Amino acid sequence: QGQLMESGGGLVQAGGSLKLSCTASRSIFSFNAMGWYRQAPGKQRELVAAITSDSSTTYADSVKGRFTISIDNAKNTVYLQMNSLKPEDTAHYYCNAERSTGFVYWGQGTQVTVSS
């Protein structure tokens, strides 16, 4: 409980930007990978972006070139910078972290709403 805490969601107009933050209650070095997922109403949860312990990144095709995932190890925080937002980016965004044991943590999520 309370391992991951997201913030930064909100309402923004199309073309705008938001930066999501996910702060872990333990050192980020204890995770093999961290990522951001999103789930829109009536749709399955999907991977948006992920970053591994060696800083390799993965992005969904729909966000490539617009979103950037990054980590601040000193703050135990992973960020998702979202630019050029589109109405179809509207969803509940969840932070995810995986340990070497395979155990996966999820945050409660933060809502992102993009108006047209």
Protein backbone atom coordinates (compact mmCIF):
# COMPACT_ATOMS: atom_id res chain seq x y z
CA GLN A 1 0.00 0.00 0.00
CA GLY A 2 1.06 3.53 -0.79
CA GLN A 3 4.12 2.41 -2.69
CA LEU A 4 3.45 4.70 -5.65
CA MET A 5 1.80 8.09 -5.62
CA GLU A 6 0.86 9.88 -8.83
CA SER A 7 0.16 13.56 -9.33
CA GLY A 8 -0.05 16.12 -12.11
CA GLY A 9 -3.22 15.15 -13.90
CA GLY A 10 -5.90 17.64 -14.81
CA LEU A 11 -7.91 19.29 -17.55
CA VAL A 12 -6.09 20.76 -20.53
CA GLN A 13 -7.02 21.93 -24.00
CA ALA A 14 -5.92 20.02 -27.06
CA GLY A 15 -2.37 20.97 -27.98
CA GLY A 16 -1.47 21.66 -24.37
CA SER A 17 0.95 19.95 -22.02
CA LEU A 18 0.91 18.19 -18.68
CA LYS A 19 3.63 16.56 -16.61
CA LEU A 20 2.74 13.57 -14.48
CA SER A 21 4.82 12.56 -11.49
CA CYS A 22 5.00 9.24 -9.70
CA THR A 23 6.91 9.12 -6.43
CA ALA A 24 7.88 5.78 -4.91
CA SER A 25 8.04 5.14 -1.19
CA ARG A 26 11.19 3.08 -1.69
CA SER A 27 14.34 3.62 -3.72
CA ILE A 28 13.75 3.46 -7.44
CA PHE A 29 16.88 1.31 -7.65
CA SER A 30 14.79 -1.52 -6.18
CA PHE A 31 12.73 -1.66 -9.37
CA ASN A 32 13.70 -3.25 -12.68
CA ALA A 33 11.36 -1.00 -14.60
CA MET A 34 8.77 1.69 -14.13
CA GLY A 35 6.09 2.81 -16.47
CA TRP A 36 2.92 4.66 -17.18
CA TYR A 37 -0.29 3.01 -18.30
CA ARG A 38 -3.64 4.52 -19.12
CA GLN A 39 -7.20 3.35 -19.26
CA ALA A 40 -10.03 5.16 -20.96
CA PRO A 41 -13.68 4.34 -20.21
CA GLY A 42 -14.70 1.12 -21.93
CA LYS A 43 -11.16 0.33 -23.01
CA GLN A 44 -8.41 -1.93 -21.76
CA ARG A 45 -5.48 -0.57 -19.81
CA GLU A 46 -2.59 0.07 -22.17
CA LEU A 47 1.10 0.79 -21.82
CA VAL A 48 1.99 4.41 -22.55
CA ALA A 49 5.70 4.49 -21.73
CA ALA A 50 8.20 2.53 -19.70
CA ILE A 51 11.79 2.96 -18.56
CA THR A 52 14.12 0.25 -17.31
CA SER A 53 16.90 0.35 -14.75
CA ASP A 54 19.42 0.83 -17.56
CA SER A 55 17.39 3.79 -18.85
CA SER A 56 16.01 2.03 -21.91
CA THR A 57 12.64 3.48 -22.88
CA THR A 58 9.57 2.17 -24.66
CA TYR A 59 6.64 4.16 -25.97
CA ALA A 60 3.26 3.34 -27.42
CA ASP A 61 3.14 4.27 -31.10
CA SER A 62 0.32 6.71 -30.37
CA VAL A 63 2.50 8.85 -28.09
CA LYS A 64 5.91 8.65 -29.75
CA GLY A 65 7.34 12.08 -30.33
CA ARG A 66 4.86 13.69 -27.94
CA PHE A 67 5.47 12.02 -24.56
CA THR A 68 8.74 11.60 -22.68
CA ILE A 69 9.37 9.37 -19.68
CA SER A 70 12.21 10.19 -17.31
CA ILE A 71 13.48 9.38 -13.84
CA ASP A 72 14.92 11.46 -11.00
CA ASN A 73 16.68 8.87 -8.85
CA ALA A 74 17.38 11.33 -6.06
CA LYS A 75 13.65 12.00 -5.70
CA ASN A 76 12.53 8.40 -6.34
CA THR A 77 10.24 9.85 -8.96
CA VAL A 78 9.36 8.94 -12.53
CA TYR A 79 7.85 11.58 -14.79
CA LEU A 80 5.75 11.58 -17.91
CA GLN A 81 5.99 14.80 -19.89
CA MET A 82 3.02 14.97 -22.24
CA ASN A 83 3.05 17.51 -25.05
CA SER A 84 0.70 18.16 -27.97
CA LEU A 85 -2.10 16.47 -26.09
CA LYS A 86 -5.07 15.16 -28.03
CA PRO A 87 -8.62 14.39 -26.88
CA GLU A 88 -7.86 10.71 -27.41
CA ASP A 89 -5.20 10.96 -24.67
CA THR A 90 -8.02 11.40 -22.16
CA ALA A 91 -7.78 8.56 -19.65
CA HIS A 92 -6.88 7.60 -16.12
CA TYR A 93 -3.11 7.33 -15.99
CA TYR A 94 -1.46 4.79 -13.69
CA CYS A 95 2.12 4.46 -12.54
CA ASN A 96 3.59 0.97 -12.45
CA ALA A 97 6.80 -0.44 -10.99
CA GLU A 98 8.21 -3.95 -11.26
CA ARG A 99 10.70 -5.52 -8.89
CA SER A 100 13.21 -8.22 -9.78
CA THR A 101 10.96 -10.74 -8.01
CA GLY A 102 8.29 -10.04 -10.58
CA PHE A 103 6.05 -8.29 -8.10
CA VAL A 104 4.31 -5.33 -9.66
CA TYR A 105 3.12 -2.23 -7.84
CA TRP A 106 0.38 0.08 -9.08
CA GLY A 107 -0.53 3.57 -8.05
CA GLN A 108 -4.08 4.84 -7.66
CA GLY A 109 -3.84 6.82 -10.85
CA THR A 110 -4.47 10.38 -11.92
CA GLN A 111 -7.06 11.63 -14.39
CA VAL A 112 -6.03 13.40 -17.57
CA THR A 113 -8.78 15.08 -19.58
CA VAL A 114 -8.05 16.78 -22.90
CA SER A 115 -10.77 19.01 -24.30
CA SER A 116 -11.15 19.65 -28.01
